[in-house]
Amino acid sequence: MKNIKKEIVSTALITAMLTLTGCGDKEVIQKDKVTIQEGKIAPKINIGSTLEGLSLQDQFEKTHTLKESTTKVIFVFTKATGHLVNEYLKTQSEDFLEKRDIQFVADVSRMPSLIRKYVAMPDLQKSSYPIMLIMDEEVSAAYKSETHSESIMIVSLDKYIVKNVNFISTLNDLQQEVE
């Protein structure tokens, strides 16, 4: 009986690890870029309103808060979009985001805590740049656009004020937005 339980737990962990480390990854569905310049995007993101006070821990448990100088915030709410952004950022210098006053926010709230702790976090800690992490589903819901949740959301700011929001899904669009 004890060996059967061990095998079940091992199989579950291996399956979860394979799923989270790339096997079975959904591709990012390529769509045309969508730019929104007025209205409500998500409960806490409205054109003309402030994102002042957005504060989250990164993959090293260090708290980051948006600064007045932050020009853009990249939000990802799916594994596939997170991988796309990470793959791009790995090709850039360590201070790429910092030099451009850009913050990167990834939603990991739906991930089971054990998988997050033992699989995802060690992988995220390989990144040399901070990734602000949404670990609570209520916080996720406050910043996520349900209409465009499968896209990368780039919020452009001017002294905390949301100027526009772009939803993108290609590497080319990501480069144009952040370079």
C-alpha atoms as a PDB file:
ATOM      1  CA  MET A   1       0.000   0.000   0.000  1.00  0.00           C
ATOM      2  CA  LYS A   2       2.819   2.396   0.914  1.00  0.00           C
ATOM      3  CA  ASN A   3       4.595   1.764  -2.421  1.00  0.00           C
ATOM      4  CA  ILE A   4       1.376   2.375  -4.360  1.00  0.00           C
ATOM      5  CA  LYS A   5       0.955   5.780  -2.670  1.00  0.00           C
ATOM      6  CA  LYS A   6       4.577   6.669  -3.495  1.00  0.00           C
ATOM      7  CA  GLU A   7       4.053   5.694  -7.131  1.00  0.00           C
ATOM      8  CA  ILE A   8       0.865   7.761  -7.382  1.00  0.00           C
ATOM      9  CA  VAL A   9       2.574  10.809  -5.864  1.00  0.00           C
ATOM     10  CA  SER A  10       5.625  10.348  -8.106  1.00  0.00           C
ATOM     11  CA  THR A  11       3.487  10.008 -11.212  1.00  0.00           C
ATOM     12  CA  ALA A  12       1.483  13.109 -10.295  1.00  0.00           C
ATOM     13  CA  LEU A  13       4.648  15.148  -9.693  1.00  0.00           C
ATOM     14  CA  ILE A  14       6.282  14.005 -12.924  1.00  0.00           C
ATOM     15  CA  THR A  15       3.130  14.802 -14.894  1.00  0.00           C
ATOM     16  CA  ALA A  16       2.908  18.246 -13.291  1.00  0.00           C
ATOM     17  CA  MET A  17       6.596  18.950 -13.938  1.00  0.00           C
ATOM     18  CA  LEU A  18       6.321  17.939 -17.591  1.00  0.00           C
ATOM     19  CA  THR A  19       3.261  20.103 -18.023  1.00  0.00           C
ATOM     20  CA  LEU A  20       4.869  23.131 -16.385  1.00  0.00           C
ATOM     21  CA  THR A  21       8.289  22.834 -17.985  1.00  0.00           C
ATOM     22  CA  GLY A  22       7.148  22.981 -21.554  1.00  0.00           C
ATOM     23  CA  CYS A  23       5.626  19.665 -22.562  1.00  0.00           C
ATOM     24  CA  GLY A  24       2.059  20.250 -23.603  1.00  0.00           C
ATOM     25  CA  ASP A  25       2.559  24.015 -23.792  1.00  0.00           C
ATOM     26  CA  LYS A  26      -0.148  25.849 -25.629  1.00  0.00           C
ATOM     27  CA  GLU A  27       1.173  28.152 -28.285  1.00  0.00           C
ATOM     28  CA  VAL A  28       0.320  31.822 -28.073  1.00  0.00           C
ATOM     29  CA  ILE A  29      -2.554  32.357 -30.471  1.00  0.00           C
ATOM     30  CA  GLN A  30      -1.363  35.041 -32.843  1.00  0.00           C
ATOM     31  CA  LYS A  31      -3.793  37.911 -33.144  1.00  0.00           C
ATOM     32  CA  ASP A  32      -3.602  41.432 -34.444  1.00  0.00           C
ATOM     33  CA  LYS A  33      -2.388  44.026 -31.989  1.00  0.00           C
ATOM     34  CA  VAL A  34      -5.226  45.768 -30.146  1.00  0.00           C
ATOM     35  CA  THR A  35      -4.691  49.272 -28.733  1.00  0.00           C
ATOM     36  CA  ILE A  36      -7.158  50.709 -26.246  1.00  0.00           C
ATOM     37  CA  GLN A  37      -7.010  54.433 -25.515  1.00  0.00           C
ATOM     38  CA  GLU A  38     -10.164  54.974 -23.490  1.00  0.00           C
ATOM     39  CA  GLY A  39     -12.372  53.146 -21.063  1.00  0.00           C
ATOM     40  CA  LYS A  40     -12.082  50.338 -18.569  1.00  0.00           C
ATOM     41  CA  ILE A  41      -9.690  47.460 -19.238  1.00  0.00           C
ATOM     42  CA  ALA A  42      -9.930  45.610 -15.923  1.00  0.00           C
ATOM     43  CA  PRO A  43     -11.274  46.500 -12.469  1.00  0.00           C
ATOM     44  CA  LYS A  44      -7.992  48.270 -11.531  1.00  0.00           C
ATOM     45  CA  ILE A  45      -6.902  49.362 -15.010  1.00  0.00           C
ATOM     46  CA  ASN A  46      -8.745  52.279 -16.585  1.00  0.00           C
ATOM     47  CA  ILE A  47      -7.398  54.709 -19.146  1.00  0.00           C
ATOM     48  CA  GLY A  48      -6.696  57.955 -17.269  1.00  0.00           C
ATOM     49  CA  SER A  49      -6.596  56.332 -13.831  1.00  0.00           C
ATOM     50  CA  THR A  50      -3.551  55.582 -11.718  1.00  0.00           C
ATOM     51  CA  LEU A  51      -1.614  52.376 -11.086  1.00  0.00           C
ATOM     52  CA  GLU A  52       0.192  53.991  -8.173  1.00  0.00           C
ATOM     53  CA  GLY A  53       0.592  51.535  -5.328  1.00  0.00           C
ATOM     54  CA  LEU A  54       0.886  48.353  -7.402  1.00  0.00           C
ATOM     55  CA  SER A  55       3.262  46.328  -5.269  1.00  0.00           C
ATOM     56  CA  LEU A  56       4.145  42.639  -5.643  1.00  0.00           C
ATOM     57  CA  GLN A  57       6.903  40.260  -4.654  1.00  0.00           C
ATOM     58  CA  ASP A  58       9.266  38.914  -7.287  1.00  0.00           C
ATOM     59  CA  GLN A  59      10.651  35.406  -7.715  1.00  0.00           C
ATOM     60  CA  PHE A  60      13.224  36.107  -4.974  1.00  0.00           C
ATOM     61  CA  GLU A  61      10.545  37.304  -2.498  1.00  0.00           C
ATOM     62  CA  LYS A  62      11.689  40.923  -2.846  1.00  0.00           C
ATOM     63  CA  THR A  63       8.851  43.461  -2.963  1.00  0.00           C
ATOM     64  CA  HIS A  64       8.682  45.787  -5.973  1.00  0.00           C
ATOM     65  CA  THR A  65       6.403  48.804  -6.209  1.00  0.00           C
ATOM     66  CA  LEU A  66       5.765  50.779  -9.362  1.00  0.00           C
ATOM     67  CA  LYS A  67       7.711  54.028  -9.444  1.00  0.00           C
ATOM     68  CA  GLU A  68       6.606  57.351 -10.848  1.00  0.00           C
ATOM     69  CA  SER A  69       9.213  56.817 -13.590  1.00  0.00           C
ATOM     70  CA  THR A  70       7.746  53.442 -14.684  1.00  0.00           C
ATOM     71  CA  THR A  71       6.856  53.799 -18.363  1.00  0.00           C
ATOM     72  CA  LYS A  72       5.316  50.389 -19.056  1.00  0.00           C
ATOM     73  CA  VAL A  73       4.060  47.322 -17.259  1.00  0.00           C
ATOM     74  CA  ILE A  74       4.024  44.007 -19.108  1.00  0.00           C
ATOM     75  CA  PHE A  75       1.310  41.702 -17.752  1.00  0.00           C
ATOM     76  CA  VAL A  76       0.995  38.011 -18.646  1.00  0.00           C
ATOM     77  CA  PHE A  77      -1.835  35.805 -17.442  1.00  0.00           C
ATOM     78  CA  THR A  78      -1.044  32.542 -19.237  1.00  0.00           C
ATOM     79  CA  LYS A  79       1.900  30.188 -19.264  1.00  0.00           C
ATOM     80  CA  ALA A  80       2.366  30.556 -23.017  1.00  0.00           C
ATOM     81  CA  THR A  81       2.534  34.378 -22.967  1.00  0.00           C
ATOM     82  CA  GLY A  82       4.874  34.228 -19.968  1.00  0.00           C
ATOM     83  CA  HIS A  83       7.210  31.941 -21.892  1.00  0.00           C
ATOM     84  CA  LEU A  84       7.153  34.261 -24.914  1.00  0.00           C
ATOM     85  CA  VAL A  85       8.124  37.292 -22.814  1.00  0.00           C
ATOM     86  CA  ASN A  86      10.778  35.349 -20.875  1.00  0.00           C
ATOM     87  CA  GLU A  87      12.342  33.952 -24.046  1.00  0.00           C
ATOM     88  CA  TYR A  88      12.591  37.473 -25.450  1.00  0.00           C
ATOM     89  CA  LEU A  89      14.020  38.941 -22.237  1.00  0.00           C
ATOM     90  CA  LYS A  90      16.666  36.208 -22.023  1.00  0.00           C
ATOM     91  CA  THR A  91      18.144  37.601 -25.253  1.00  0.00           C
ATOM     92  CA  GLN A  92      18.482  41.097 -23.747  1.00  0.00           C
ATOM     93  CA  SER A  93      20.960  42.596 -21.298  1.00  0.00           C
ATOM     94  CA  GLU A  94      20.376  42.065 -17.570  1.00  0.00           C
ATOM     95  CA  ASP A  95      19.341  45.686 -17.102  1.00  0.00           C
ATOM     96  CA  PHE A  96      17.105  45.874 -20.203  1.00  0.00           C
ATOM     97  CA  LEU A  97      13.862  46.394 -18.248  1.00  0.00           C
ATOM     98  CA  GLU A  98      15.453  48.661 -15.653  1.00  0.00           C
ATOM     99  CA  LYS A  99      17.002  50.967 -18.289  1.00  0.00           C
ATOM    100  CA  ARG A 100      13.590  51.396 -19.886  1.00  0.00           C
ATOM    101  CA  ASP A 101      11.652  51.734 -16.597  1.00  0.00           C
ATOM    102  CA  ILE A 102       9.560  48.671 -17.475  1.00  0.00           C
ATOM    103  CA  GLN A 103       8.104  46.192 -14.986  1.00  0.00           C
ATOM    104  CA  PHE A 104       7.188  42.602 -15.843  1.00  0.00           C
ATOM    105  CA  VAL A 105       4.223  41.045 -13.992  1.00  0.00           C
ATOM    106  CA  ALA A 106       3.313  37.355 -14.299  1.00  0.00           C
ATOM    107  CA  ASP A 107       0.169  35.757 -12.910  1.00  0.00           C
ATOM    108  CA  VAL A 108       0.943  32.439 -11.196  1.00  0.00           C
ATOM    109  CA  SER A 109      -2.140  32.485  -8.975  1.00  0.00           C
ATOM    110  CA  ARG A 110      -3.857  29.477 -10.537  1.00  0.00           C
ATOM    111  CA  MET A 111      -0.795  27.282 -10.200  1.00  0.00           C
ATOM    112  CA  PRO A 112      -0.939  24.766  -7.316  1.00  0.00           C
ATOM    113  CA  SER A 113       1.317  26.009  -4.507  1.00  0.00           C
ATOM    114  CA  LEU A 114       3.540  22.903  -4.417  1.00  0.00           C
ATOM    115  CA  ILE A 115       4.157  23.086  -8.148  1.00  0.00           C
ATOM    116  CA  ARG A 116       4.793  26.822  -7.886  1.00  0.00           C
ATOM    117  CA  LYS A 117       7.256  26.318  -5.035  1.00  0.00           C
ATOM    118  CA  TYR A 118       9.198  23.318  -6.332  1.00  0.00           C
ATOM    119  CA  VAL A 119       8.987  23.644 -10.112  1.00  0.00           C
ATOM    120  CA  ALA A 120       8.072  27.160 -11.268  1.00  0.00           C
ATOM    121  CA  MET A 121       9.976  29.273  -8.737  1.00  0.00           C
ATOM    122  CA  PRO A 122      13.338  27.534  -9.281  1.00  0.00           C
ATOM    123  CA  ASP A 123      12.849  28.060 -13.026  1.00  0.00           C
ATOM    124  CA  LEU A 124      11.877  31.727 -12.569  1.00  0.00           C
ATOM    125  CA  GLN A 125      14.883  32.266 -10.296  1.00  0.00           C
ATOM    126  CA  LYS A 126      17.161  31.523 -13.236  1.00  0.00           C
ATOM    127  CA  SER A 127      16.087  34.891 -14.681  1.00  0.00           C
ATOM    128  CA  SER A 128      18.397  37.785 -13.883  1.00  0.00           C
ATOM    129  CA  TYR A 129      15.583  40.344 -14.045  1.00  0.00           C
ATOM    130  CA  PRO A 130      12.754  40.728 -11.510  1.00  0.00           C
ATOM    131  CA  ILE A 131       9.381  39.227 -12.344  1.00  0.00           C
ATOM    132  CA  MET A 132       6.637  40.647 -10.156  1.00  0.00           C
ATOM    133  CA  LEU A 133       4.325  37.745  -9.328  1.00  0.00           C
ATOM    134  CA  ILE A 134       0.573  37.738  -8.832  1.00  0.00           C
ATOM    135  CA  MET A 135      -0.033  34.864  -6.426  1.00  0.00           C
ATOM    136  CA  ASP A 136      -3.634  35.574  -5.464  1.00  0.00           C
ATOM    137  CA  GLU A 137      -6.606  34.970  -7.779  1.00  0.00           C
ATOM    138  CA  GLU A 138      -8.427  38.071  -6.494  1.00  0.00           C
ATOM    139  CA  VAL A 139      -5.431  40.249  -7.368  1.00  0.00           C
ATOM    140  CA  SER A 140      -5.277  38.547 -10.763  1.00  0.00           C
ATOM    141  CA  ALA A 141      -8.943  39.311 -11.429  1.00  0.00           C
ATOM    142  CA  ALA A 142      -8.358  42.974 -10.561  1.00  0.00           C
ATOM    143  CA  TYR A 143      -5.727  43.416 -13.290  1.00  0.00           C
ATOM    144  CA  LYS A 144      -6.817  40.914 -15.959  1.00  0.00           C
ATOM    145  CA  SER A 145      -8.844  41.842 -19.028  1.00  0.00           C
ATOM    146  CA  GLU A 146     -11.208  38.932 -19.538  1.00  0.00           C
ATOM    147  CA  THR A 147     -11.591  39.848 -23.200  1.00  0.00           C
ATOM    148  CA  HIS A 148      -7.847  39.708 -23.905  1.00  0.00           C
ATOM    149  CA  SER A 149      -6.534  37.361 -21.180  1.00  0.00           C
ATOM    150  CA  GLU A 150      -4.715  35.166 -23.729  1.00  0.00           C
ATOM    151  CA  SER A 151      -2.593  38.109 -24.943  1.00  0.00           C
ATOM    152  CA  ILE A 152       0.354  39.958 -23.479  1.00  0.00           C
ATOM    153  CA  MET A 153      -1.008  43.176 -21.955  1.00  0.00           C
ATOM    154  CA  ILE A 154       1.292  46.191 -22.064  1.00  0.00           C
ATOM    155  CA  VAL A 155       0.127  49.150 -20.008  1.00  0.00           C
ATOM    156  CA  SER A 156       1.783  52.468 -20.913  1.00  0.00           C
ATOM    157  CA  LEU A 157       2.137  54.913 -18.025  1.00  0.00           C
ATOM    158  CA  ASP A 158       3.016  58.542 -17.496  1.00  0.00           C
ATOM    159  CA  LYS A 159       3.664  59.268 -13.811  1.00  0.00           C
ATOM    160  CA  TYR A 160       1.434  56.315 -12.784  1.00  0.00           C
ATOM    161  CA  ILE A 161      -1.409  57.394 -15.092  1.00  0.00           C
ATOM    162  CA  VAL A 162      -2.587  54.768 -17.617  1.00  0.00           C
ATOM    163  CA  LYS A 163      -2.236  56.325 -21.073  1.00  0.00           C
ATOM    164  CA  ASN A 164      -3.108  53.304 -23.223  1.00  0.00           C
ATOM    165  CA  VAL A 165      -3.075  49.521 -23.208  1.00  0.00           C
ATOM    166  CA  ASN A 166      -1.831  47.278 -25.995  1.00  0.00           C
ATOM    167  CA  PHE A 167      -2.694  43.607 -26.293  1.00  0.00           C
ATOM    168  CA  ILE A 168      -0.123  41.717 -28.349  1.00  0.00           C
ATOM    169  CA  SER A 169       0.721  38.125 -29.161  1.00  0.00           C
ATOM    170  CA  THR A 170       3.840  38.162 -31.337  1.00  0.00           C
ATOM    171  CA  LEU A 171       7.535  38.563 -30.722  1.00  0.00           C
ATOM    172  CA  ASN A 172       7.685  41.352 -33.294  1.00  0.00           C
ATOM    173  CA  ASP A 173       4.951  43.339 -31.510  1.00  0.00           C
ATOM    174  CA  LEU A 174       6.696  42.772 -28.165  1.00  0.00           C
ATOM    175  CA  GLN A 175       9.967  44.131 -29.566  1.00  0.00           C
ATOM    176  CA  GLN A 176       8.211  47.204 -30.963  1.00  0.00           C
ATOM    177  CA  GLU A 177       6.519  47.881 -27.644  1.00  0.00           C
ATOM    178  CA  VAL A 178       9.574  47.637 -25.390  1.00  0.00           C
ATOM    179  CA  GLU A 179      12.559  48.747 -27.472  1.00  0.00           C
END
